[in-house]
Amino acid sequence: MGFERVIVRTKAELATELEKKTDEIIVEGDFSQNIAEIKKGQLNDTDTLGFAVGSGGIGMLVEYGISKLLDVFDPVTKEDKKIRKQIERLYAIKSLTKDSFLLHLKQLDY
């Protein structure tokens, strides 16, 4: 089975590759600053699991509720929200350079 890696430079190209669940996506150009913001807020799997276990699962429910509430008041377009959610849920983010990021499908690590 082949390993697929693509380079995207526009939001439309990124959305297409996210829908296909491409193994690795290198993001350059316009949308790379948005990826940097997502990376700042992303926890690794160990931290997420520690939070879930430490709070007895209640923390995950509270986080979900707060996230949904903030989405209502977020002025970002619906398409940008969808892209952000797909990246947060499916991909690990690695910084390659100041203006490029590697999105690696999390399920490939398991």
N, C-alpha and C. Protein backbone atom coordinates (compact mmCIF):
# COMPACT_ATOMS: atom_id res chain seq x y z
N MET A 1 0.84 -1.18 0.00
CA MET A 1 0.00 0.00 0.00
C MET A 1 0.88 1.23 0.00
N GLY A 2 0.61 2.16 -0.91
CA GLY A 2 1.44 3.35 -1.07
C GLY A 2 1.13 4.42 -0.04
N PHE A 3 2.11 5.24 0.17
CA PHE A 3 2.00 6.35 1.11
C PHE A 3 1.87 7.62 0.28
N GLU A 4 0.82 8.39 0.48
CA GLU A 4 0.56 9.55 -0.36
C GLU A 4 0.90 10.84 0.37
N ARG A 5 1.69 11.69 -0.30
CA ARG A 5 2.05 13.01 0.24
C ARG A 5 1.83 14.03 -0.86
N VAL A 6 1.12 15.10 -0.52
CA VAL A 6 0.85 16.15 -1.50
C VAL A 6 1.19 17.51 -0.90
N ILE A 7 1.41 18.48 -1.78
CA ILE A 7 1.66 19.86 -1.37
C ILE A 7 0.47 20.69 -1.83
N VAL A 8 -0.08 21.48 -0.90
CA VAL A 8 -1.20 22.36 -1.23
C VAL A 8 -0.81 23.80 -0.91
N ARG A 9 -1.36 24.72 -1.71
CA ARG A 9 -1.04 26.13 -1.53
C ARG A 9 -2.29 27.00 -1.36
N THR A 10 -3.46 26.42 -1.60
CA THR A 10 -4.69 27.19 -1.46
C THR A 10 -5.67 26.46 -0.54
N LYS A 11 -6.64 27.22 -0.07
CA LYS A 11 -7.66 26.64 0.81
C LYS A 11 -8.48 25.59 0.08
N ALA A 12 -8.78 25.82 -1.19
CA ALA A 12 -9.57 24.87 -1.97
C ALA A 12 -8.82 23.54 -2.13
N GLU A 13 -7.51 23.61 -2.42
CA GLU A 13 -6.71 22.39 -2.54
C GLU A 13 -6.67 21.64 -1.22
N LEU A 14 -6.52 22.39 -0.11
CA LEU A 14 -6.48 21.78 1.22
C LEU A 14 -7.80 21.08 1.52
N ALA A 15 -8.92 21.74 1.26
CA ALA A 15 -10.23 21.14 1.51
C ALA A 15 -10.41 19.84 0.73
N THR A 16 -9.95 19.82 -0.50
CA THR A 16 -10.05 18.62 -1.34
C THR A 16 -9.25 17.48 -0.75
N GLU A 17 -8.03 17.74 -0.33
CA GLU A 17 -7.17 16.70 0.23
C GLU A 17 -7.67 16.22 1.59
N LEU A 18 -8.26 17.12 2.36
CA LEU A 18 -8.84 16.71 3.65
C LEU A 18 -10.01 15.77 3.44
N GLU A 19 -10.83 16.04 2.45
CA GLU A 19 -11.97 15.17 2.14
C GLU A 19 -11.50 13.77 1.72
N LYS A 20 -10.38 13.71 1.00
CA LYS A 20 -9.83 12.43 0.56
C LYS A 20 -9.06 11.73 1.68
N LYS A 21 -8.82 12.44 2.79
CA LYS A 21 -8.03 11.93 3.92
C LYS A 21 -6.65 11.45 3.45
N THR A 22 -5.98 12.34 2.74
CA THR A 22 -4.64 12.09 2.23
C THR A 22 -3.69 11.84 3.40
N ASP A 23 -2.75 10.89 3.24
CA ASP A 23 -1.84 10.49 4.31
C ASP A 23 -1.06 11.67 4.90
N GLU A 24 -0.41 12.43 4.05
CA GLU A 24 0.35 13.59 4.50
C GLU A 24 0.10 14.75 3.55
N ILE A 25 -0.12 15.91 4.15
CA ILE A 25 -0.37 17.12 3.37
C ILE A 25 0.62 18.18 3.83
N ILE A 26 1.37 18.72 2.89
CA ILE A 26 2.26 19.84 3.20
C ILE A 26 1.52 21.11 2.80
N VAL A 27 1.31 21.99 3.79
CA VAL A 27 0.57 23.22 3.55
C VAL A 27 1.55 24.38 3.45
N GLU A 28 1.50 25.08 2.34
CA GLU A 28 2.32 26.26 2.10
C GLU A 28 1.40 27.39 1.66
N GLY A 29 1.86 28.61 1.80
CA GLY A 29 1.08 29.73 1.27
C GLY A 29 0.03 30.28 2.20
N ASP A 30 -1.09 30.69 1.61
CA ASP A 30 -2.14 31.45 2.29
C ASP A 30 -2.58 30.86 3.63
N PHE A 31 -2.90 29.61 3.63
CA PHE A 31 -3.55 28.99 4.79
C PHE A 31 -2.57 28.55 5.88
N SER A 32 -1.27 28.71 5.65
CA SER A 32 -0.29 28.22 6.61
C SER A 32 -0.39 28.93 7.96
N GLN A 33 -0.78 30.20 7.98
CA GLN A 33 -0.91 30.92 9.25
C GLN A 33 -2.08 30.36 10.07
N ASN A 34 -3.13 29.94 9.39
CA ASN A 34 -4.25 29.30 10.09
C ASN A 34 -3.81 27.98 10.71
N ILE A 35 -2.97 27.24 10.00
CA ILE A 35 -2.45 25.97 10.52
C ILE A 35 -1.62 26.24 11.76
N ALA A 36 -0.83 27.31 11.75
CA ALA A 36 -0.02 27.67 12.92
C ALA A 36 -0.90 27.93 14.14
N GLU A 37 -2.04 28.58 13.94
CA GLU A 37 -2.97 28.83 15.04
C GLU A 37 -3.57 27.53 15.56
N ILE A 38 -3.93 26.63 14.66
CA ILE A 38 -4.50 25.34 15.06
C ILE A 38 -3.47 24.55 15.85
N LYS A 39 -2.22 24.59 15.41
CA LYS A 39 -1.14 23.85 16.08
C LYS A 39 -0.95 24.32 17.52
N LYS A 40 -1.08 25.62 17.74
CA LYS A 40 -0.91 26.17 19.10
C LYS A 40 -1.92 25.57 20.08
N GLY A 41 -3.14 25.29 19.60
CA GLY A 41 -4.19 24.79 20.47
C GLY A 41 -4.35 23.29 20.49
N GLN A 42 -3.51 22.57 19.73
CA GLN A 42 -3.68 21.12 19.63
C GLN A 42 -2.85 20.40 20.70
N LEU A 43 -3.52 19.50 21.43
CA LEU A 43 -2.83 18.66 22.40
C LEU A 43 -2.45 17.34 21.76
N ASN A 44 -1.36 16.74 22.24
CA ASN A 44 -1.02 15.41 21.72
C ASN A 44 -1.93 14.37 22.37
N ASP A 45 -1.89 13.15 21.87
CA ASP A 45 -2.80 12.10 22.34
C ASP A 45 -2.62 11.80 23.82
N THR A 46 -1.39 11.83 24.30
CA THR A 46 -1.11 11.55 25.72
C THR A 46 -1.76 12.60 26.61
N ASP A 47 -1.61 13.87 26.24
CA ASP A 47 -2.21 14.95 27.03
C ASP A 47 -3.73 14.87 27.02
N THR A 48 -4.29 14.57 25.86
CA THR A 48 -5.75 14.46 25.74
C THR A 48 -6.28 13.33 26.61
N LEU A 49 -5.62 12.19 26.56
CA LEU A 49 -6.03 11.05 27.37
C LEU A 49 -5.88 11.35 28.86
N GLY A 50 -4.79 12.01 29.22
CA GLY A 50 -4.57 12.38 30.62
C GLY A 50 -5.66 13.31 31.13
N PHE A 51 -6.07 14.25 30.30
CA PHE A 51 -7.14 15.16 30.66
C PHE A 51 -8.45 14.41 30.85
N ALA A 52 -8.75 13.51 29.92
CA ALA A 52 -10.00 12.75 29.98
C ALA A 52 -10.06 11.87 31.23
N VAL A 53 -8.98 11.17 31.52
CA VAL A 53 -8.94 10.28 32.68
C VAL A 53 -8.92 11.08 33.98
N GLY A 54 -8.12 12.13 34.00
CA GLY A 54 -7.99 12.95 35.22
C GLY A 54 -9.28 13.63 35.62
N SER A 55 -10.11 13.96 34.64
CA SER A 55 -11.36 14.63 34.97
C SER A 55 -12.53 13.65 35.05
N GLY A 56 -12.24 12.37 34.92
CA GLY A 56 -13.29 11.36 34.98
C GLY A 56 -14.24 11.45 33.79
N GLY A 57 -13.78 12.01 32.69
CA GLY A 57 -14.61 12.12 31.50
C GLY A 57 -15.44 13.38 31.44
N ILE A 58 -15.64 14.02 32.59
CA ILE A 58 -16.46 15.24 32.65
C ILE A 58 -15.79 16.38 31.88
N GLY A 59 -14.46 16.44 31.93
CA GLY A 59 -13.73 17.50 31.25
C GLY A 59 -13.97 17.50 29.75
N MET A 60 -14.07 16.31 29.18
CA MET A 60 -14.31 16.21 27.74
C MET A 60 -15.70 16.74 27.38
N LEU A 61 -16.68 16.46 28.23
CA LEU A 61 -18.04 16.98 27.99
C LEU A 61 -18.08 18.50 28.11
N VAL A 62 -17.40 19.02 29.11
CA VAL A 62 -17.36 20.47 29.30
C VAL A 62 -16.65 21.13 28.12
N GLU A 63 -15.55 20.54 27.69
CA GLU A 63 -14.79 21.08 26.55
C GLU A 63 -15.65 21.07 25.30
N TYR A 64 -16.40 20.02 25.08
CA TYR A 64 -17.30 19.92 23.93
C TYR A 64 -18.36 21.02 23.97
N GLY A 65 -18.95 21.22 25.13
CA GLY A 65 -19.98 22.24 25.28
C GLY A 65 -19.45 23.65 25.04
N ILE A 66 -18.28 23.93 25.60
CA ILE A 66 -17.67 25.24 25.40
C ILE A 66 -17.32 25.44 23.93
N SER A 67 -16.81 24.40 23.31
CA SER A 67 -16.46 24.47 21.89
C SER A 67 -17.68 24.79 21.04
N LYS A 68 -18.79 24.13 21.30
CA LYS A 68 -20.02 24.37 20.55
C LYS A 68 -20.54 25.80 20.78
N LEU A 69 -20.44 26.28 22.01
CA LEU A 69 -20.88 27.62 22.33
C LEU A 69 -20.02 28.66 21.61
N LEU A 70 -18.71 28.46 21.60
CA LEU A 70 -17.82 29.39 20.92
C LEU A 70 -18.03 29.37 19.41
N ASP A 71 -18.38 28.21 18.86
CA ASP A 71 -18.66 28.11 17.42
C ASP A 71 -19.82 29.00 16.99
N VAL A 72 -20.80 29.15 17.88
CA VAL A 72 -21.97 29.97 17.56
C VAL A 72 -21.56 31.43 17.35
N PHE A 73 -20.61 31.91 18.15
CA PHE A 73 -20.21 33.32 18.09
C PHE A 73 -18.96 33.56 17.26
N ASP A 74 -18.39 32.52 16.68
CA ASP A 74 -17.18 32.63 15.87
C ASP A 74 -17.52 33.22 14.50
N PRO A 75 -16.87 34.34 14.12
CA PRO A 75 -17.19 34.97 12.84
C PRO A 75 -16.58 34.28 11.61
N VAL A 76 -15.84 33.21 11.82
CA VAL A 76 -15.18 32.50 10.72
C VAL A 76 -16.24 31.82 9.84
N THR A 77 -15.95 31.71 8.55
CA THR A 77 -16.90 31.09 7.62
C THR A 77 -17.11 29.63 7.95
N LYS A 78 -18.23 29.11 7.48
CA LYS A 78 -18.58 27.71 7.73
C LYS A 78 -17.54 26.77 7.13
N GLU A 79 -17.02 27.11 5.95
CA GLU A 79 -16.01 26.28 5.29
C GLU A 79 -14.71 26.24 6.11
N ASP A 80 -14.30 27.39 6.64
CA ASP A 80 -13.09 27.43 7.46
C ASP A 80 -13.26 26.63 8.75
N LYS A 81 -14.45 26.68 9.34
CA LYS A 81 -14.72 25.89 10.54
C LYS A 81 -14.62 24.40 10.24
N LYS A 82 -15.16 23.99 9.10
CA LYS A 82 -15.12 22.58 8.71
C LYS A 82 -13.67 22.12 8.51
N ILE A 83 -12.87 22.94 7.85
CA ILE A 83 -11.46 22.61 7.63
C ILE A 83 -10.74 22.49 8.97
N ARG A 84 -10.97 23.43 9.86
CA ARG A 84 -10.32 23.42 11.18
C ARG A 84 -10.68 22.14 11.95
N LYS A 85 -11.96 21.78 11.95
CA LYS A 85 -12.41 20.58 12.67
C LYS A 85 -11.77 19.32 12.10
N GLN A 86 -11.70 19.23 10.77
CA GLN A 86 -11.09 18.05 10.14
C GLN A 86 -9.61 17.95 10.52
N ILE A 87 -8.92 19.06 10.50
CA ILE A 87 -7.49 19.05 10.84
C ILE A 87 -7.31 18.66 12.30
N GLU A 88 -8.06 19.27 13.20
CA GLU A 88 -7.93 18.97 14.63
C GLU A 88 -8.22 17.52 14.94
N ARG A 89 -9.23 16.95 14.30
CA ARG A 89 -9.66 15.60 14.61
C ARG A 89 -8.78 14.53 13.95
N LEU A 90 -8.35 14.76 12.71
CA LEU A 90 -7.70 13.71 11.93
C LEU A 90 -6.19 13.80 11.81
N TYR A 91 -5.61 14.98 11.99
CA TYR A 91 -4.20 15.17 11.65
C TYR A 91 -3.36 15.67 12.81
N ALA A 92 -2.10 15.20 12.83
CA ALA A 92 -1.07 15.75 13.71
C ALA A 92 -0.33 16.79 12.89
N ILE A 93 0.04 17.90 13.50
CA ILE A 93 0.67 19.00 12.78
C ILE A 93 2.14 19.10 13.18
N LYS A 94 3.00 19.21 12.18
CA LYS A 94 4.43 19.40 12.41
C LYS A 94 4.89 20.60 11.60
N SER A 95 5.64 21.48 12.24
CA SER A 95 6.15 22.65 11.56
C SER A 95 7.39 22.27 10.76
N LEU A 96 7.40 22.56 9.47
CA LEU A 96 8.56 22.28 8.62
C LEU A 96 9.45 23.51 8.52
N THR A 97 8.87 24.63 8.15
CA THR A 97 9.55 25.93 8.11
C THR A 97 8.61 26.95 8.71
N LYS A 98 9.03 28.19 8.68
CA LYS A 98 8.19 29.26 9.23
C LYS A 98 6.84 29.34 8.50
N ASP A 99 6.84 29.04 7.21
CA ASP A 99 5.63 29.18 6.42
C ASP A 99 5.09 27.89 5.83
N SER A 100 5.53 26.74 6.33
CA SER A 100 4.98 25.47 5.83
C SER A 100 4.84 24.47 6.97
N PHE A 101 3.78 23.68 6.86
CA PHE A 101 3.45 22.70 7.89
C PHE A 101 3.11 21.37 7.26
N LEU A 102 3.41 20.31 7.99
CA LEU A 102 3.08 18.96 7.55
C LEU A 102 1.90 18.47 8.38
N LEU A 103 0.84 18.05 7.69
CA LEU A 103 -0.31 17.43 8.35
C LEU A 103 -0.16 15.93 8.12
N HIS A 104 -0.05 15.18 9.21
CA HIS A 104 0.15 13.74 9.14
C HIS A 104 -1.08 13.05 9.72
N LEU A 105 -1.68 12.17 8.97
CA LEU A 105 -2.89 11.46 9.40
C LEU A 105 -2.59 10.69 10.69
N LYS A 106 -3.32 10.99 11.76
CA LYS A 106 -3.07 10.37 13.07
C LYS A 106 -3.21 8.86 13.03
N GLN A 107 -4.16 8.34 12.28
CA GLN A 107 -4.41 6.90 12.30
C GLN A 107 -3.23 6.10 11.76
N LEU A 108 -2.31 6.72 11.05
CA LEU A 108 -1.14 6.02 10.54
C LEU A 108 -0.13 5.73 11.65
N ASP A 109 -0.27 6.40 12.79
CA ASP A 109 0.64 6.21 13.92
C ASP A 109 0.23 5.04 14.80
N TYR A 110 -0.95 4.52 14.61
CA TYR A 110 -1.46 3.46 15.49
C TYR A 110 -1.20 2.10 14.93
